[in-house]
């Protein structure tokens, strides 16, 4: 997993339309221009505490996280039961759903092919942050486009 710090220094306001998008007959969308949407403002609420990481593997497909997706992770959000977190467990990074009830802590996959990981007292678990969004691209561009390092 490659970790990238979020930056809101560059603004990229894109048009957002107020009408719903039909999968049927197209309509002239320009008539429905609502405003501009800056994805930084929409996805990154705490810039100094936010980083991005690219997901690999298929253990979280049940919650819509696929290999190649870019995850927006906020370190200022308190992880709670049910949060999807970036965890360090025994010196390895992973993305999983946090289960924390009645003294039991475990990391749960969102794919039945993967077992839950019960966290015992002799294991070291760190929460690096809570996943607040996933950016998913369709088609062959999804896996071929690296994160920008500039």
Protein backbone atom coordinates (compact mmCIF):
# COMPACT_ATOMS: atom_id res chain seq x y z
CA UNK A 1 0.00 0.00 0.00
CA UNK A 2 1.38 3.40 -0.99
CA UNK A 3 0.42 6.30 1.30
CA UNK A 4 0.03 9.84 -0.07
CA UNK A 5 -0.66 13.04 1.91
CA UNK A 6 -3.74 14.93 0.79
CA UNK A 7 -3.22 18.39 -0.62
CA UNK A 8 -5.90 20.97 -1.24
CA UNK A 9 -3.46 23.54 -2.62
CA UNK A 10 -4.67 22.89 -6.15
CA UNK A 11 -8.32 23.67 -6.72
CA UNK A 12 -10.18 21.97 -9.51
CA UNK A 13 -13.80 23.08 -9.58
CA UNK A 14 -15.86 20.99 -11.97
CA UNK A 15 -19.49 21.61 -12.99
CA UNK A 16 -22.20 19.74 -11.11
CA UNK A 17 -25.67 19.47 -12.55
CA UNK A 18 -28.86 19.64 -10.51
CA UNK A 19 -30.79 17.12 -12.58
CA UNK A 20 -30.60 13.37 -12.18
CA UNK A 21 -28.76 11.42 -14.87
CA UNK A 22 -30.99 9.12 -16.86
CA UNK A 23 -29.63 5.88 -18.25
CA UNK A 24 -32.16 6.22 -21.07
CA UNK A 25 -32.64 9.01 -23.63
CA UNK A 26 -30.14 11.88 -23.14
CA UNK A 27 -31.26 15.45 -22.45
CA UNK A 28 -29.36 18.73 -22.86
CA UNK A 29 -27.59 18.87 -19.50
CA UNK A 30 -26.31 22.45 -19.78
CA UNK A 31 -29.80 23.70 -18.92
CA UNK A 32 -29.41 22.17 -15.46
CA UNK A 33 -26.00 23.49 -14.39
CA UNK A 34 -26.25 23.96 -10.62
CA UNK A 35 -22.79 25.15 -9.63
CA UNK A 36 -19.16 24.07 -9.55
CA UNK A 37 -17.93 21.24 -7.34
CA UNK A 38 -14.38 21.10 -6.00
CA UNK A 39 -13.60 17.47 -5.20
CA UNK A 40 -11.07 18.57 -2.57
CA UNK A 41 -13.82 20.37 -0.64
CA UNK A 42 -16.24 17.49 -1.16
CA UNK A 43 -13.91 14.62 -0.17
CA UNK A 44 -11.29 16.13 2.15
CA UNK A 45 -12.72 17.67 5.32
CA UNK A 46 -9.51 17.86 7.40
CA UNK A 47 -6.63 18.41 4.93
CA UNK A 48 -3.82 18.34 7.50
CA UNK A 49 -5.07 15.01 8.86
CA UNK A 50 -5.96 13.37 5.56
CA UNK A 51 -3.96 11.02 3.37
CA UNK A 52 -4.70 8.76 0.41
CA UNK A 53 -3.78 5.16 -0.14
CA UNK A 54 -4.38 2.79 -3.06
CA UNK A 55 -6.21 -0.41 -2.17
CA UNK A 56 -4.99 -3.78 -3.39
CA UNK A 57 -6.77 -7.11 -3.16
CA UNK A 58 -10.43 -8.06 -2.96
CA UNK A 59 -11.16 -8.44 0.77
CA UNK A 60 -13.37 -5.31 0.90
CA UNK A 61 -15.44 -5.64 -2.28
CA UNK A 62 -18.62 -6.06 -0.23
CA UNK A 63 -18.44 -2.39 0.79
CA UNK A 64 -17.44 -1.15 -2.66
CA UNK A 65 -13.65 -1.03 -2.22
CA UNK A 66 -11.88 -2.69 -5.14
CA UNK A 67 -8.24 -3.28 -6.03
CA UNK A 68 -6.85 -0.08 -7.53
CA UNK A 69 -9.28 2.25 -5.75
CA UNK A 70 -7.86 5.32 -4.03
CA UNK A 71 -9.04 5.56 -0.43
CA UNK A 72 -9.39 8.91 1.34
CA UNK A 73 -8.34 8.40 4.96
CA UNK A 74 -8.94 10.93 7.74
CA UNK A 75 -6.77 10.56 10.84
CA UNK A 76 -8.86 13.09 12.80
CA UNK A 77 -12.00 10.93 12.69
CA UNK A 78 -12.45 8.70 15.74
CA UNK A 79 -12.64 5.03 14.75
CA UNK A 80 -15.72 3.35 16.17
CA UNK A 81 -17.55 0.07 15.79
CA UNK A 82 -18.36 -0.38 12.10
CA UNK A 83 -15.80 2.13 10.79
CA UNK A 84 -13.69 1.11 7.81
CA UNK A 85 -10.14 1.75 8.91
CA UNK A 86 -6.57 1.58 7.75
CA UNK A 87 -4.95 -0.56 10.41
CA UNK A 88 -1.43 -1.65 11.17
CA UNK A 89 -1.61 -5.14 12.62
CA UNK A 90 1.67 -6.83 13.48
CA UNK A 91 3.58 -4.33 11.29
CA UNK A 92 1.36 -4.86 8.19
CA UNK A 93 -1.08 -2.34 6.67
CA UNK A 94 -4.61 -3.45 5.92
CA UNK A 95 -8.04 -1.96 5.25
CA UNK A 96 -10.85 -3.62 7.22
CA UNK A 97 -14.09 -2.90 9.07
CA UNK A 98 -13.55 -2.42 12.81
CA UNK A 99 -15.61 -4.60 15.14
CA UNK A 100 -15.48 -3.41 18.75
CA UNK A 101 -18.12 -4.70 21.14
CA UNK A 102 -18.02 -5.90 24.79
CA UNK A 103 -14.22 -6.04 24.94
CA UNK A 104 -13.92 -7.94 21.65
CA UNK A 105 -11.91 -6.30 18.89
CA UNK A 106 -11.58 -7.76 15.44
CA UNK A 107 -10.91 -6.67 11.90
CA UNK A 108 -13.54 -7.85 9.46
CA UNK A 109 -13.25 -8.30 5.73
CA UNK A 110 -16.20 -7.46 3.48
CA UNK A 111 -15.80 -10.59 1.41
CA UNK A 112 -16.89 -14.01 2.72
CA UNK A 113 -13.74 -15.59 1.25
CA UNK A 114 -11.68 -13.87 3.97
CA UNK A 115 -11.93 -14.66 7.69
CA UNK A 116 -12.18 -12.04 10.40
CA UNK A 117 -9.05 -11.39 12.42
CA UNK A 118 -9.60 -11.46 16.16
CA UNK A 119 -7.19 -9.07 17.85
CA UNK A 120 -5.70 -10.65 20.96
CA UNK A 121 -3.75 -8.96 23.76
CA UNK A 122 -0.42 -10.16 22.35
CA UNK A 123 -1.07 -8.48 18.96
CA UNK A 124 -0.12 -4.90 18.20
CA UNK A 125 -2.92 -2.96 16.49
CA UNK A 126 -2.74 0.68 15.38
CA UNK A 127 -5.47 2.59 13.61
CA UNK A 128 -3.93 4.93 11.02
CA UNK A 129 -7.26 6.51 10.18
CA UNK A 130 -10.85 6.10 9.07
CA UNK A 131 -11.67 5.64 5.38
CA UNK A 132 -14.12 8.41 4.48
CA UNK A 133 -14.35 7.85 0.70
CA UNK A 134 -13.17 5.65 -2.13
CA UNK A 135 -12.42 6.83 -5.63
CA UNK A 136 -13.23 4.08 -8.10
CA UNK A 137 -12.43 4.30 -11.80
CA UNK A 138 -14.07 2.14 -14.43
CA UNK A 139 -12.33 0.33 -17.25
CA UNK A 140 -8.67 -0.27 -17.92
CA UNK A 141 -7.64 3.15 -16.56
CA UNK A 142 -8.41 1.98 -13.02
CA UNK A 143 -5.21 -0.01 -12.51
CA UNK A 144 -2.91 1.74 -14.97
CA UNK A 145 -2.98 5.23 -13.48
CA UNK A 146 -0.47 5.77 -10.62
CA UNK A 147 -0.97 8.34 -7.88
CA UNK A 148 0.63 11.68 -8.73
CA UNK A 149 3.78 12.25 -6.65
CA UNK A 150 4.21 15.95 -7.39
